[in-house]
Amino acid sequence: MSPQDIIAELPKLTRGELEQVDAHLHELLHGRTAVSQKSWGEALLQLAGSAQGLPQDFAHQHDYYLHGGRRR
């Protein structure tokens, strides 16, 4: 997404959403964002088990559900 695409989307946001964008941009501009010290594995473990509404066999059959491949 280009900067022009992002700017074109801004008028569609609510005031609260614009305030969140503004605050985040100021954090980025002033270097106040905290850099995560977590590894990818740690970050993924935080998300593990949080998906809802998936078929019970999704973990075993993920290729079938994602790509339409053959079931195992």
PDB file of N, CA and C in Angstrom:
ATOM      1  N   MET A   1       0.853  -1.172   0.000  1.00  0.00           N
ATOM      2  CA  MET A   1       0.000   0.000   0.000  1.00  0.00           C
ATOM      3  C   MET A   1       0.897   1.232   0.000  1.00  0.00           C
ATOM      4  N   SER A   2       0.638   2.120  -0.907  1.00  0.00           N
ATOM      5  CA  SER A   2       1.464   3.325  -1.025  1.00  0.00           C
ATOM      6  C   SER A   2       1.004   4.388  -0.019  1.00  0.00           C
ATOM      7  N   PRO A   3       1.847   5.388   0.237  1.00  0.00           N
ATOM      8  CA  PRO A   3       1.426   6.483   1.119  1.00  0.00           C
ATOM      9  C   PRO A   3       0.156   7.168   0.608  1.00  0.00           C
ATOM     10  N   GLN A   4       0.021   7.290  -0.706  1.00  0.00           N
ATOM     11  CA  GLN A   4      -1.176   7.923  -1.270  1.00  0.00           C
ATOM     12  C   GLN A   4      -2.424   7.088  -0.984  1.00  0.00           C
ATOM     13  N   ASP A   5      -2.282   5.749  -1.035  1.00  0.00           N
ATOM     14  CA  ASP A   5      -3.409   4.873  -0.713  1.00  0.00           C
ATOM     15  C   ASP A   5      -3.830   5.036   0.741  1.00  0.00           C
ATOM     16  N   ILE A   6      -2.839   5.119   1.614  1.00  0.00           N
ATOM     17  CA  ILE A   6      -3.129   5.291   3.045  1.00  0.00           C
ATOM     18  C   ILE A   6      -3.825   6.627   3.284  1.00  0.00           C
ATOM     19  N   ILE A   7      -3.317   7.672   2.677  1.00  0.00           N
ATOM     20  CA  ILE A   7      -3.906   9.006   2.840  1.00  0.00           C
ATOM     21  C   ILE A   7      -5.344   9.026   2.313  1.00  0.00           C
ATOM     22  N   ALA A   8      -5.603   8.318   1.231  1.00  0.00           N
ATOM     23  CA  ALA A   8      -6.951   8.265   0.666  1.00  0.00           C
ATOM     24  C   ALA A   8      -7.936   7.576   1.611  1.00  0.00           C
ATOM     25  N   GLU A   9      -7.452   6.676   2.457  1.00  0.00           N
ATOM     26  CA  GLU A   9      -8.315   5.950   3.392  1.00  0.00           C
ATOM     27  C   GLU A   9      -8.621   6.743   4.662  1.00  0.00           C
ATOM     28  N   LEU A  10      -7.801   7.715   4.994  1.00  0.00           N
ATOM     29  CA  LEU A  10      -7.960   8.450   6.250  1.00  0.00           C
ATOM     30  C   LEU A  10      -9.328   9.106   6.424  1.00  0.00           C
ATOM     31  N   PRO A  11      -9.922   9.715   5.401  1.00  0.00           N
ATOM     32  CA  PRO A  11     -11.247  10.330   5.599  1.00  0.00           C
ATOM     33  C   PRO A  11     -12.340   9.339   5.983  1.00  0.00           C
ATOM     34  N   LYS A  12     -12.111   8.065   5.781  1.00  0.00           N
ATOM     35  CA  LYS A  12     -13.114   7.045   6.110  1.00  0.00           C
ATOM     36  C   LYS A  12     -13.092   6.663   7.587  1.00  0.00           C
ATOM     37  N   LEU A  13     -12.063   7.097   8.320  1.00  0.00           N
ATOM     38  CA  LEU A  13     -11.917   6.728   9.724  1.00  0.00           C
ATOM     39  C   LEU A  13     -12.748   7.628  10.632  1.00  0.00           C
ATOM     40  N   THR A  14     -13.128   7.069  11.771  1.00  0.00           N
ATOM     41  CA  THR A  14     -13.834   7.861  12.775  1.00  0.00           C
ATOM     42  C   THR A  14     -12.825   8.760  13.488  1.00  0.00           C
ATOM     43  N   ARG A  15     -13.338   9.702  14.245  1.00  0.00           N
ATOM     44  CA  ARG A  15     -12.444  10.595  14.993  1.00  0.00           C
ATOM     45  C   ARG A  15     -11.553   9.799  15.937  1.00  0.00           C
ATOM     46  N   GLY A  16     -12.119   8.821  16.627  1.00  0.00           N
ATOM     47  CA  GLY A  16     -11.334   8.006  17.547  1.00  0.00           C
ATOM     48  C   GLY A  16     -10.230   7.235  16.841  1.00  0.00           C
ATOM     49  N   GLU A  17     -10.554   6.703  15.674  1.00  0.00           N
ATOM     50  CA  GLU A  17      -9.549   5.981  14.905  1.00  0.00           C
ATOM     51  C   GLU A  17      -8.445   6.923  14.429  1.00  0.00           C
ATOM     52  N   LEU A  18      -8.826   8.117  14.014  1.00  0.00           N
ATOM     53  CA  LEU A  18      -7.831   9.105  13.586  1.00  0.00           C
ATOM     54  C   LEU A  18      -6.921   9.497  14.747  1.00  0.00           C
ATOM     55  N   GLU A  19      -7.484   9.605  15.940  1.00  0.00           N
ATOM     56  CA  GLU A  19      -6.672   9.936  17.111  1.00  0.00           C
ATOM     57  C   GLU A  19      -5.669   8.813  17.409  1.00  0.00           C
ATOM     58  N   GLN A  20      -6.091   7.558  17.223  1.00  0.00           N
ATOM     59  CA  GLN A  20      -5.178   6.436  17.419  1.00  0.00           C
ATOM     60  C   GLN A  20      -4.047   6.478  16.396  1.00  0.00           C
ATOM     61  N   VAL A  21      -4.378   6.755  15.146  1.00  0.00           N
ATOM     62  CA  VAL A  21      -3.378   6.860  14.086  1.00  0.00           C
ATOM     63  C   VAL A  21      -2.406   7.990  14.420  1.00  0.00           C
ATOM     64  N   ASP A  22      -2.950   9.134  14.837  1.00  0.00           N
ATOM     65  CA  ASP A  22      -2.123  10.288  15.182  1.00  0.00           C
ATOM     66  C   ASP A  22      -1.147   9.944  16.307  1.00  0.00           C
ATOM     67  N   ALA A  23      -1.652   9.295  17.354  1.00  0.00           N
ATOM     68  CA  ALA A  23      -0.795   8.943  18.485  1.00  0.00           C
ATOM     69  C   ALA A  23       0.305   7.976  18.051  1.00  0.00           C
ATOM     70  N   HIS A  24      -0.049   7.005  17.234  1.00  0.00           N
ATOM     71  CA  HIS A  24       0.945   6.034  16.788  1.00  0.00           C
ATOM     72  C   HIS A  24       1.991   6.687  15.890  1.00  0.00           C
ATOM     73  N   LEU A  25       1.566   7.568  15.012  1.00  0.00           N
ATOM     74  CA  LEU A  25       2.519   8.268  14.147  1.00  0.00           C
ATOM     75  C   LEU A  25       3.494   9.111  14.966  1.00  0.00           C
ATOM     76  N   HIS A  26       2.987   9.781  15.995  1.00  0.00           N
ATOM     77  CA  HIS A  26       3.870  10.573  16.851  1.00  0.00           C
ATOM     78  C   HIS A  26       4.869   9.687  17.588  1.00  0.00           C
ATOM     79  N   GLU A  27       4.432   8.513  18.036  1.00  0.00           N
ATOM     80  CA  GLU A  27       5.355   7.584  18.685  1.00  0.00           C
ATOM     81  C   GLU A  27       6.444   7.158  17.710  1.00  0.00           C
ATOM     82  N   LEU A  28       6.049   6.848  16.478  1.00  0.00           N
ATOM     83  CA  LEU A  28       7.037   6.432  15.481  1.00  0.00           C
ATOM     84  C   LEU A  28       8.005   7.558  15.140  1.00  0.00           C
ATOM     85  N   LEU A  29       7.473   8.762  14.992  1.00  0.00           N
ATOM     86  CA  LEU A  29       8.307   9.898  14.622  1.00  0.00           C
ATOM     87  C   LEU A  29       9.308  10.264  15.709  1.00  0.00           C
ATOM     88  N   HIS A  30       8.929  10.072  16.954  1.00  0.00           N
ATOM     89  CA  HIS A  30       9.784  10.472  18.067  1.00  0.00           C
ATOM     90  C   HIS A  30      10.516   9.298  18.691  1.00  0.00           C
ATOM     91  N   GLY A  31      10.431   8.137  18.051  1.00  0.00           N
ATOM     92  CA  GLY A  31      11.183   6.975  18.516  1.00  0.00           C
ATOM     93  C   GLY A  31      10.771   6.451  19.868  1.00  0.00           C
ATOM     94  N   ARG A  32       9.507   6.603  20.210  1.00  0.00           N
ATOM     95  CA  ARG A  32       9.048   6.169  21.531  1.00  0.00           C
ATOM     96  C   ARG A  32       8.412   4.787  21.523  1.00  0.00           C
ATOM     97  N   THR A  33       8.441   4.104  20.412  1.00  0.00           N
ATOM     98  CA  THR A  33       7.839   2.782  20.391  1.00  0.00           C
ATOM     99  C   THR A  33       8.807   1.771  20.975  1.00  0.00           C
ATOM    100  N   ALA A  34       8.283   0.881  21.741  1.00  0.00           N
ATOM    101  CA  ALA A  34       9.114  -0.151  22.360  1.00  0.00           C
ATOM    102  C   ALA A  34       9.372  -1.253  21.338  1.00  0.00           C
ATOM    103  N   VAL A  35      10.609  -1.622  21.222  1.00  0.00           N
ATOM    104  CA  VAL A  35      10.968  -2.717  20.337  1.00  0.00           C
ATOM    105  C   VAL A  35      10.776  -4.009  21.114  1.00  0.00           C
ATOM    106  N   SER A  36      10.036  -4.918  20.530  1.00  0.00           N
ATOM    107  CA  SER A  36       9.755  -6.178  21.199  1.00  0.00           C
ATOM    108  C   SER A  36      11.019  -7.020  21.290  1.00  0.00           C
ATOM    109  N   GLN A  37      11.244  -7.583  22.453  1.00  0.00           N
ATOM    110  CA  GLN A  37      12.387  -8.455  22.665  1.00  0.00           C
ATOM    111  C   GLN A  37      11.984  -9.924  22.542  1.00  0.00           C
ATOM    112  N   LYS A  38      10.726 -10.166  22.150  1.00  0.00           N
ATOM    113  CA  LYS A  38      10.230 -11.528  22.023  1.00  0.00           C
ATOM    114  C   LYS A  38      10.708 -12.133  20.710  1.00  0.00           C
ATOM    115  N   SER A  39      10.958 -13.418  20.760  1.00  0.00           N
ATOM    116  CA  SER A  39      11.284 -14.130  19.532  1.00  0.00           C
ATOM    117  C   SER A  39       9.976 -14.410  18.788  1.00  0.00           C
ATOM    118  N   TRP A  40      10.102 -14.815  17.526  1.00  0.00           N
ATOM    119  CA  TRP A  40       8.900 -15.177  16.754  1.00  0.00           C
ATOM    120  C   TRP A  40       8.159 -16.307  17.447  1.00  0.00           C
ATOM    121  N   GLY A  41       8.900 -17.272  17.967  1.00  0.00           N
ATOM    122  CA  GLY A  41       8.267 -18.403  18.633  1.00  0.00           C
ATOM    123  C   GLY A  41       7.462 -17.982  19.841  1.00  0.00           C
ATOM    124  N   GLU A  42       8.019 -17.076  20.642  1.00  0.00           N
ATOM    125  CA  GLU A  42       7.295 -16.580  21.821  1.00  0.00           C
ATOM    126  C   GLU A  42       6.038 -15.819  21.415  1.00  0.00           C
ATOM    127  N   ALA A  43       6.162 -15.007  20.383  1.00  0.00           N
ATOM    128  CA  ALA A  43       5.007 -14.241  19.914  1.00  0.00           C
ATOM    129  C   ALA A  43       3.916 -15.169  19.389  1.00  0.00           C
ATOM    130  N   LEU A  44       4.304 -16.206  18.656  1.00  0.00           N
ATOM    131  CA  LEU A  44       3.322 -17.150  18.136  1.00  0.00           C
ATOM    132  C   LEU A  44       2.669 -17.958  19.250  1.00  0.00           C
ATOM    133  N   LEU A  45       3.431 -18.301  20.278  1.00  0.00           N
ATOM    134  CA  LEU A  45       2.861 -19.045  21.398  1.00  0.00           C
ATOM    135  C   LEU A  45       1.776 -18.247  22.112  1.00  0.00           C
ATOM    136  N   GLN A  46       1.908 -16.932  22.119  1.00  0.00           N
ATOM    137  CA  GLN A  46       0.866 -16.101  22.734  1.00  0.00           C
ATOM    138  C   GLN A  46      -0.442 -16.209  21.961  1.00  0.00           C
ATOM    139  N   LEU A  47      -0.355 -16.438  20.668  1.00  0.00           N
ATOM    140  CA  LEU A  47      -1.546 -16.547  19.835  1.00  0.00           C
ATOM    141  C   LEU A  47      -2.102 -17.965  19.767  1.00  0.00           C
ATOM    142  N   ALA A  48      -1.298 -18.946  20.112  1.00  0.00           N
ATOM    143  CA  ALA A  48      -1.696 -20.346  20.005  1.00  0.00           C
ATOM    144  C   ALA A  48      -3.005 -20.594  20.753  1.00  0.00           C
ATOM    145  N   GLY A  49      -3.921 -21.234  20.079  1.00  0.00           N
ATOM    146  CA  GLY A  49      -5.200 -21.588  20.685  1.00  0.00           C
ATOM    147  C   GLY A  49      -6.216 -20.466  20.724  1.00  0.00           C
ATOM    148  N   SER A  50      -5.919 -19.317  20.140  1.00  0.00           N
ATOM    149  CA  SER A  50      -6.844 -18.189  20.227  1.00  0.00           C
ATOM    150  C   SER A  50      -7.811 -18.112  19.047  1.00  0.00           C
ATOM    151  N   ALA A  51      -7.567 -18.878  17.986  1.00  0.00           N
ATOM    152  CA  ALA A  51      -8.472 -18.855  16.828  1.00  0.00           C
ATOM    153  C   ALA A  51      -9.787 -19.530  17.192  1.00  0.00           C
ATOM    154  N   GLN A  52     -10.871 -18.959  16.721  1.00  0.00           N
ATOM    155  CA  GLN A  52     -12.187 -19.503  17.018  1.00  0.00           C
ATOM    156  C   GLN A  52     -12.920 -19.778  15.717  1.00  0.00           C
ATOM    157  N   GLY A  53     -13.813 -20.758  15.743  1.00  0.00           N
ATOM    158  CA  GLY A  53     -14.667 -21.047  14.603  1.00  0.00           C
ATOM    159  C   GLY A  53     -14.013 -21.875  13.508  1.00  0.00           C
ATOM    160  N   LEU A  54     -12.869 -22.496  13.806  1.00  0.00           N
ATOM    161  CA  LEU A  54     -12.199 -23.330  12.814  1.00  0.00           C
ATOM    162  C   LEU A  54     -12.701 -24.765  12.909  1.00  0.00           C
ATOM    163  N   PRO A  55     -12.639 -25.518  11.808  1.00  0.00           N
ATOM    164  CA  PRO A  55     -13.015 -26.932  11.876  1.00  0.00           C
ATOM    165  C   PRO A  55     -12.117 -27.670  12.865  1.00  0.00           C
ATOM    166  N   GLN A  56     -12.636 -28.728  13.483  1.00  0.00           N
ATOM    167  CA  GLN A  56     -11.860 -29.450  14.494  1.00  0.00           C
ATOM    168  C   GLN A  56     -10.601 -30.074  13.926  1.00  0.00           C
ATOM    169  N   ASP A  57     -10.602 -30.421  12.640  1.00  0.00           N
ATOM    170  CA  ASP A  57      -9.429 -31.058  12.040  1.00  0.00           C
ATOM    171  C   ASP A  57      -8.558 -30.058  11.285  1.00  0.00           C
ATOM    172  N   PHE A  58      -8.687 -28.769  11.563  1.00  0.00           N
ATOM    173  CA  PHE A  58      -7.955 -27.751  10.808  1.00  0.00           C
ATOM    174  C   PHE A  58      -6.445 -27.936  10.886  1.00  0.00           C
ATOM    175  N   ALA A  59      -5.920 -28.218  12.064  1.00  0.00           N
ATOM    176  CA  ALA A  59      -4.468 -28.369  12.205  1.00  0.00           C
ATOM    177  C   ALA A  59      -3.947 -29.506  11.333  1.00  0.00           C
ATOM    178  N   HIS A  60      -4.674 -30.596  11.281  1.00  0.00           N
ATOM    179  CA  HIS A  60      -4.242 -31.754  10.494  1.00  0.00           C
ATOM    180  C   HIS A  60      -4.512 -31.557   9.001  1.00  0.00           C
ATOM    181  N   GLN A  61      -5.577 -30.860   8.665  1.00  0.00           N
ATOM    182  CA  GLN A  61      -6.009 -30.712   7.273  1.00  0.00           C
ATOM    183  C   GLN A  61      -5.811 -29.290   6.741  1.00  0.00           C
ATOM    184  N   HIS A  62      -4.867 -28.530   7.300  1.00  0.00           N
ATOM    185  CA  HIS A  62      -4.744 -27.118   6.926  1.00  0.00           C
ATOM    186  C   HIS A  62      -4.497 -26.911   5.435  1.00  0.00           C
ATOM    187  N   ASP A  63      -3.743 -27.795   4.772  1.00  0.00           N
ATOM    188  CA  ASP A  63      -3.535 -27.635   3.325  1.00  0.00           C
ATOM    189  C   ASP A  63      -4.862 -27.722   2.567  1.00  0.00           C
ATOM    190  N   TYR A  64      -5.708 -28.639   2.984  1.00  0.00           N
ATOM    191  CA  TYR A  64      -7.020 -28.782   2.340  1.00  0.00           C
ATOM    192  C   TYR A  64      -7.844 -27.503   2.505  1.00  0.00           C
ATOM    193  N   TYR A  65      -7.888 -26.977   3.717  1.00  0.00           N
ATOM    194  CA  TYR A  65      -8.709 -25.793   3.975  1.00  0.00           C
ATOM    195  C   TYR A  65      -8.119 -24.525   3.348  1.00  0.00           C
ATOM    196  N   LEU A  66      -6.808 -24.397   3.323  1.00  0.00           N
ATOM    197  CA  LEU A  66      -6.176 -23.188   2.795  1.00  0.00           C
ATOM    198  C   LEU A  66      -6.041 -23.196   1.293  1.00  0.00           C
ATOM    199  N   HIS A  67      -5.726 -24.363   0.706  1.00  0.00           N
ATOM    200  CA  HIS A  67      -5.390 -24.402  -0.705  1.00  0.00           C
ATOM    201  C   HIS A  67      -6.296 -25.295  -1.539  1.00  0.00           C
ATOM    202  N   GLY A  68      -7.238 -25.992  -0.908  1.00  0.00           N
ATOM    203  CA  GLY A  68      -8.130 -26.858  -1.658  1.00  0.00           C
ATOM    204  C   GLY A  68      -7.477 -28.155  -2.105  1.00  0.00           C
ATOM    205  N   GLY A  69      -6.402 -28.531  -1.442  1.00  0.00           N
ATOM    206  CA  GLY A  69      -5.709 -29.764  -1.804  1.00  0.00           C
ATOM    207  C   GLY A  69      -6.499 -30.996  -1.373  1.00  0.00           C
ATOM    208  N   ARG A  70      -5.880 -32.141  -1.555  1.00  0.00           N
ATOM    209  CA  ARG A  70      -6.535 -33.389  -1.149  1.00  0.00           C
ATOM    210  C   ARG A  70      -6.461 -33.555   0.350  1.00  0.00           C
ATOM    211  N   ARG A  71      -7.499 -34.159   0.889  1.00  0.00           N
ATOM    212  CA  ARG A  71      -7.492 -34.462   2.329  1.00  0.00           C
ATOM    213  C   ARG A  71      -6.579 -35.633   2.594  1.00  0.00           C
ATOM    214  N   ARG A  72      -5.997 -35.643   3.762  1.00  0.00           N
ATOM    215  CA  ARG A  72      -5.123 -36.769   4.157  1.00  0.00           C
ATOM    216  C   ARG A  72      -5.947 -37.891   4.698  1.00  0.00           C
TER     217      ARG A  72
END
